[in-house]
Amino acid sequence: MTKTGTSPYDVAKHLRTPEEMAAYLEAAMEEADGDARFVAKVLYDIARAKGMSQVASDAGRA
């Protein structure tokens, strides 16, 4: 019998465009049901997808 391997899924690797990130955030907001930790995790995923250095740079220009 052959064993099937698994690996962790990282959503940040699949968020490639601003539109995908916005759709992910919008879906999360609909599902969050007031859970701030859930929304924070989603924002963290988006930040990782954009690249933390880019986020920091953008924040400095605000």
N, C-alpha and C. Protein backbone atom coordinates (compact mmCIF):
# COMPACT_ATOMS: atom_id res chain seq x y z
N MET A 1 0.84 -1.18 0.00
CA MET A 1 0.00 0.00 0.00
C MET A 1 0.89 1.25 0.00
N THR A 2 0.61 2.15 -0.89
CA THR A 2 1.38 3.38 -1.01
C THR A 2 0.83 4.43 -0.05
N LYS A 3 1.74 5.08 0.66
CA LYS A 3 1.33 6.16 1.56
C LYS A 3 1.28 7.48 0.80
N THR A 4 0.27 8.25 1.11
CA THR A 4 0.14 9.58 0.51
C THR A 4 0.66 10.61 1.49
N GLY A 5 1.54 11.47 1.02
CA GLY A 5 2.09 12.52 1.87
C GLY A 5 1.23 13.78 1.80
N THR A 6 1.27 14.52 2.84
CA THR A 6 0.56 15.79 2.87
C THR A 6 1.52 16.90 3.29
N SER A 7 1.14 18.10 2.99
CA SER A 7 1.94 19.24 3.42
C SER A 7 0.98 20.36 3.86
N PRO A 8 1.44 21.24 4.73
CA PRO A 8 0.58 22.33 5.20
C PRO A 8 0.18 23.25 4.03
N TYR A 9 -1.03 23.73 4.09
CA TYR A 9 -1.53 24.67 3.07
C TYR A 9 -1.26 26.09 3.55
N ASP A 10 -0.66 26.90 2.70
CA ASP A 10 -0.37 28.29 3.03
C ASP A 10 -1.09 29.19 2.03
N VAL A 11 -2.18 29.79 2.48
CA VAL A 11 -3.00 30.63 1.60
C VAL A 11 -2.20 31.80 1.04
N ALA A 12 -1.22 32.29 1.77
CA ALA A 12 -0.44 33.45 1.31
C ALA A 12 0.26 33.17 -0.02
N LYS A 13 0.58 31.92 -0.28
CA LYS A 13 1.23 31.55 -1.53
C LYS A 13 0.29 31.64 -2.72
N HIS A 14 -1.01 31.72 -2.45
CA HIS A 14 -2.00 31.70 -3.52
C HIS A 14 -2.69 33.05 -3.72
N LEU A 15 -2.37 34.02 -2.91
CA LEU A 15 -2.93 35.37 -3.06
C LEU A 15 -1.95 36.19 -3.89
N ARG A 16 -2.21 36.29 -5.18
CA ARG A 16 -1.24 36.90 -6.07
C ARG A 16 -1.56 38.33 -6.48
N THR A 17 -2.82 38.68 -6.49
CA THR A 17 -3.21 40.01 -6.98
C THR A 17 -3.98 40.77 -5.90
N PRO A 18 -4.03 42.08 -6.01
CA PRO A 18 -4.84 42.85 -5.06
C PRO A 18 -6.31 42.43 -5.07
N GLU A 19 -6.80 42.03 -6.23
CA GLU A 19 -8.19 41.58 -6.33
C GLU A 19 -8.42 40.29 -5.55
N GLU A 20 -7.48 39.36 -5.63
CA GLU A 20 -7.58 38.11 -4.87
C GLU A 20 -7.51 38.38 -3.37
N MET A 21 -6.64 39.29 -2.99
CA MET A 21 -6.51 39.64 -1.57
C MET A 21 -7.79 40.28 -1.05
N ALA A 22 -8.38 41.18 -1.85
CA ALA A 22 -9.62 41.84 -1.46
C ALA A 22 -10.76 40.83 -1.36
N ALA A 23 -10.83 39.90 -2.28
CA ALA A 23 -11.88 38.88 -2.24
C ALA A 23 -11.72 37.99 -1.01
N TYR A 24 -10.49 37.65 -0.68
CA TYR A 24 -10.21 36.83 0.51
C TYR A 24 -10.65 37.57 1.77
N LEU A 25 -10.32 38.85 1.86
CA LEU A 25 -10.70 39.66 3.02
C LEU A 25 -12.22 39.81 3.10
N GLU A 26 -12.85 40.06 1.97
CA GLU A 26 -14.31 40.21 1.95
C GLU A 26 -15.00 38.93 2.41
N ALA A 27 -14.54 37.79 1.91
CA ALA A 27 -15.12 36.51 2.33
C ALA A 27 -14.90 36.27 3.82
N ALA A 28 -13.73 36.63 4.30
CA ALA A 28 -13.43 36.45 5.72
C ALA A 28 -14.31 37.32 6.59
N MET A 29 -14.55 38.55 6.15
CA MET A 29 -15.40 39.46 6.92
C MET A 29 -16.83 38.92 7.03
N GLU A 30 -17.29 38.30 5.95
CA GLU A 30 -18.63 37.70 5.96
C GLU A 30 -18.71 36.50 6.91
N GLU A 31 -17.62 35.74 7.00
CA GLU A 31 -17.61 34.52 7.81
C GLU A 31 -17.16 34.75 9.25
N ALA A 32 -16.55 35.88 9.54
CA ALA A 32 -15.92 36.12 10.85
C ALA A 32 -16.90 36.11 12.01
N ASP A 33 -18.12 36.55 11.79
CA ASP A 33 -19.14 36.58 12.85
C ASP A 33 -18.62 37.28 14.11
N GLY A 34 -17.92 38.41 13.90
CA GLY A 34 -17.44 39.20 15.02
C GLY A 34 -16.15 38.70 15.66
N ASP A 35 -15.52 37.70 15.07
CA ASP A 35 -14.28 37.13 15.64
C ASP A 35 -13.07 37.93 15.14
N ALA A 36 -12.59 38.85 15.98
CA ALA A 36 -11.47 39.72 15.60
C ALA A 36 -10.19 38.92 15.35
N ARG A 37 -10.01 37.81 16.06
CA ARG A 37 -8.81 36.99 15.85
C ARG A 37 -8.80 36.39 14.45
N PHE A 38 -9.97 35.98 13.98
CA PHE A 38 -10.08 35.42 12.64
C PHE A 38 -9.71 36.47 11.59
N VAL A 39 -10.23 37.67 11.74
CA VAL A 39 -9.92 38.75 10.81
C VAL A 39 -8.44 39.12 10.88
N ALA A 40 -7.89 39.14 12.07
CA ALA A 40 -6.46 39.44 12.23
C ALA A 40 -5.61 38.40 11.50
N LYS A 41 -5.99 37.13 11.56
CA LYS A 41 -5.26 36.07 10.87
C LYS A 41 -5.31 36.28 9.36
N VAL A 42 -6.47 36.67 8.87
CA VAL A 42 -6.62 36.93 7.44
C VAL A 42 -5.75 38.10 7.01
N LEU A 43 -5.74 39.17 7.80
CA LEU A 43 -4.89 40.32 7.49
C LEU A 43 -3.41 39.93 7.53
N TYR A 44 -3.05 39.05 8.45
CA TYR A 44 -1.67 38.56 8.51
C TYR A 44 -1.34 37.77 7.24
N ASP A 45 -2.26 36.93 6.78
CA ASP A 45 -2.04 36.17 5.54
C ASP A 45 -1.82 37.12 4.37
N ILE A 46 -2.63 38.16 4.29
CA ILE A 46 -2.51 39.13 3.20
C ILE A 46 -1.18 39.87 3.29
N ALA A 47 -0.80 40.25 4.49
CA ALA A 47 0.49 40.95 4.67
C ALA A 47 1.65 40.05 4.24
N ARG A 48 1.58 38.78 4.59
CA ARG A 48 2.64 37.86 4.16
C ARG A 48 2.65 37.70 2.65
N ALA A 49 1.46 37.69 2.05
CA ALA A 49 1.39 37.56 0.60
C ALA A 49 2.01 38.77 -0.09
N LYS A 50 1.78 39.94 0.44
CA LYS A 50 2.35 41.15 -0.15
C LYS A 50 3.83 41.28 0.12
N GLY A 51 4.25 40.69 1.19
CA GLY A 51 5.64 40.84 1.62
C GLY A 51 5.70 41.85 2.73
N MET A 52 6.17 41.41 3.87
CA MET A 52 6.16 42.28 5.04
C MET A 52 6.95 43.57 4.80
N SER A 53 8.02 43.53 4.06
CA SER A 53 8.79 44.75 3.82
C SER A 53 7.99 45.74 2.98
N GLN A 54 7.20 45.24 2.02
CA GLN A 54 6.38 46.13 1.21
C GLN A 54 5.30 46.78 2.07
N VAL A 55 4.72 46.02 2.98
CA VAL A 55 3.70 46.57 3.88
C VAL A 55 4.30 47.67 4.74
N ALA A 56 5.48 47.43 5.28
CA ALA A 56 6.13 48.43 6.11
C ALA A 56 6.45 49.69 5.30
N SER A 57 6.89 49.49 4.09
CA SER A 57 7.20 50.63 3.22
C SER A 57 5.93 51.44 2.91
N ASP A 58 4.85 50.74 2.60
CA ASP A 58 3.59 51.41 2.29
C ASP A 58 3.09 52.19 3.51
N ALA A 59 3.24 51.63 4.69
CA ALA A 59 2.77 52.28 5.91
C ALA A 59 3.55 53.58 6.17
N GLY A 60 4.80 53.61 5.79
CA GLY A 60 5.62 54.79 5.99
C GLY A 60 5.25 55.94 5.07
N ARG A 61 4.59 55.64 3.95
CA ARG A 61 4.21 56.66 2.99
C ARG A 61 2.83 57.22 3.24
N ALA A 62 2.11 56.65 4.18
CA ALA A 62 0.70 57.05 4.40
C ALA A 62 0.54 58.44 4.88
